[in-house]
Amino acid sequence: MSEPKKTIDPRLNACFARLSKPTQRALVQHKIFSESDLARWSRGEIAKMHGIGPASFPMLDRVLAEAGLEFKG
């Protein structure tokens, strides 16, 4: 039996598919759809968003690193 396909908001880049649904919703709510959008924010700003918890940061760091980017500041 195959694993169910993860659904992702179509506005988000595929790199965000690995993130939890609450994290994905927080990014969409703040119009963060791509790695470059994410890089415009600081870690502190992202941490204050509802739906973003400490467990989100290793994956967000990886998404940015794979794109050659990092959080602002």
C-alpha atoms as a PDB file:
ATOM      1  CA  MET A   1       0.000   0.000   0.000  1.00  0.00           C
ATOM      2  CA  SER A   2       1.440   3.381  -0.961  1.00  0.00           C
ATOM      3  CA  GLU A   3       1.782   6.299   1.408  1.00  0.00           C
ATOM      4  CA  PRO A   4      -0.916   8.982   0.995  1.00  0.00           C
ATOM      5  CA  LYS A   5       0.232  11.987  -0.997  1.00  0.00           C
ATOM      6  CA  LYS A   6       0.800  15.086   1.117  1.00  0.00           C
ATOM      7  CA  THR A   7      -1.313  18.016   0.031  1.00  0.00           C
ATOM      8  CA  ILE A   8       0.178  21.475   0.062  1.00  0.00           C
ATOM      9  CA  ASP A   9      -1.324  24.900  -0.537  1.00  0.00           C
ATOM     10  CA  PRO A  10      -0.769  25.512  -4.264  1.00  0.00           C
ATOM     11  CA  ARG A  11       0.718  28.940  -3.557  1.00  0.00           C
ATOM     12  CA  LEU A  12       3.621  27.393  -1.615  1.00  0.00           C
ATOM     13  CA  ASN A  13       6.786  26.169  -3.290  1.00  0.00           C
ATOM     14  CA  ALA A  14       7.183  22.394  -3.117  1.00  0.00           C
ATOM     15  CA  CYS A  15      10.122  22.787  -0.704  1.00  0.00           C
ATOM     16  CA  PHE A  16       7.585  23.593   2.036  1.00  0.00           C
ATOM     17  CA  ALA A  17       5.735  20.274   1.653  1.00  0.00           C
ATOM     18  CA  ARG A  18       7.870  18.739   4.417  1.00  0.00           C
ATOM     19  CA  LEU A  19       6.607  21.286   6.955  1.00  0.00           C
ATOM     20  CA  SER A  20       3.691  20.702   9.305  1.00  0.00           C
ATOM     21  CA  LYS A  21       0.273  21.972   8.258  1.00  0.00           C
ATOM     22  CA  PRO A  22       0.216  24.665  11.001  1.00  0.00           C
ATOM     23  CA  THR A  23       3.591  25.929   9.780  1.00  0.00           C
ATOM     24  CA  GLN A  24       2.394  25.932   6.161  1.00  0.00           C
ATOM     25  CA  ARG A  25      -0.740  27.869   7.145  1.00  0.00           C
ATOM     26  CA  ALA A  26       1.332  30.442   9.062  1.00  0.00           C
ATOM     27  CA  LEU A  27       3.572  30.984   6.054  1.00  0.00           C
ATOM     28  CA  VAL A  28       0.621  31.428   3.698  1.00  0.00           C
ATOM     29  CA  GLN A  29      -1.091  33.810   6.136  1.00  0.00           C
ATOM     30  CA  HIS A  30       2.023  36.016   6.030  1.00  0.00           C
ATOM     31  CA  LYS A  31       2.400  35.707   2.239  1.00  0.00           C
ATOM     32  CA  ILE A  32       5.560  33.604   2.461  1.00  0.00           C
ATOM     33  CA  PHE A  33       5.353  31.379  -0.598  1.00  0.00           C
ATOM     34  CA  SER A  34       9.015  30.837  -1.532  1.00  0.00           C
ATOM     35  CA  GLU A  35      12.466  30.564  -0.034  1.00  0.00           C
ATOM     36  CA  SER A  36      13.230  34.164  -1.007  1.00  0.00           C
ATOM     37  CA  ASP A  37      10.038  35.331   0.728  1.00  0.00           C
ATOM     38  CA  LEU A  38      11.135  33.466   3.878  1.00  0.00           C
ATOM     39  CA  ALA A  39      14.614  35.025   3.746  1.00  0.00           C
ATOM     40  CA  ARG A  40      13.040  38.498   4.097  1.00  0.00           C
ATOM     41  CA  TRP A  41      12.061  37.649   7.680  1.00  0.00           C
ATOM     42  CA  SER A  42      14.191  37.278  10.820  1.00  0.00           C
ATOM     43  CA  ARG A  43      14.068  34.147  12.985  1.00  0.00           C
ATOM     44  CA  GLY A  44      12.449  36.243  15.729  1.00  0.00           C
ATOM     45  CA  GLU A  45       9.697  37.472  13.425  1.00  0.00           C
ATOM     46  CA  ILE A  46       8.971  33.935  12.229  1.00  0.00           C
ATOM     47  CA  ALA A  47       8.987  32.592  15.809  1.00  0.00           C
ATOM     48  CA  LYS A  48       6.224  35.028  16.779  1.00  0.00           C
ATOM     49  CA  MET A  49       3.840  33.676  14.138  1.00  0.00           C
ATOM     50  CA  HIS A  50       0.962  31.509  15.316  1.00  0.00           C
ATOM     51  CA  GLY A  51       1.622  27.969  14.083  1.00  0.00           C
ATOM     52  CA  ILE A  52       5.408  28.221  14.102  1.00  0.00           C
ATOM     53  CA  GLY A  53       7.085  26.338  16.915  1.00  0.00           C
ATOM     54  CA  PRO A  54      10.683  25.456  17.782  1.00  0.00           C
ATOM     55  CA  ALA A  55      10.378  22.181  15.866  1.00  0.00           C
ATOM     56  CA  SER A  56       9.764  24.168  12.654  1.00  0.00           C
ATOM     57  CA  PHE A  57      13.174  25.828  12.618  1.00  0.00           C
ATOM     58  CA  PRO A  58      15.421  22.903  11.656  1.00  0.00           C
ATOM     59  CA  MET A  59      13.320  22.375   8.532  1.00  0.00           C
ATOM     60  CA  LEU A  60      13.046  26.103   7.767  1.00  0.00           C
ATOM     61  CA  ASP A  61      16.837  26.399   8.154  1.00  0.00           C
ATOM     62  CA  ARG A  62      17.272  23.472   5.760  1.00  0.00           C
ATOM     63  CA  VAL A  63      14.888  24.995   3.191  1.00  0.00           C
ATOM     64  CA  LEU A  64      16.840  28.258   3.255  1.00  0.00           C
ATOM     65  CA  ALA A  65      20.255  26.555   3.205  1.00  0.00           C
ATOM     66  CA  GLU A  66      19.305  24.420   0.197  1.00  0.00           C
ATOM     67  CA  ALA A  67      18.452  27.665  -1.630  1.00  0.00           C
ATOM     68  CA  GLY A  68      21.675  29.358  -0.513  1.00  0.00           C
ATOM     69  CA  LEU A  69      19.736  31.771   1.709  1.00  0.00           C
ATOM     70  CA  GLU A  70      19.390  32.574   5.398  1.00  0.00           C
ATOM     71  CA  PHE A  71      17.058  34.465   7.688  1.00  0.00           C
ATOM     72  CA  LYS A  72      17.293  38.265   7.690  1.00  0.00           C
ATOM     73  CA  GLY A  73      19.612  39.825  10.250  1.00  0.00           C
END
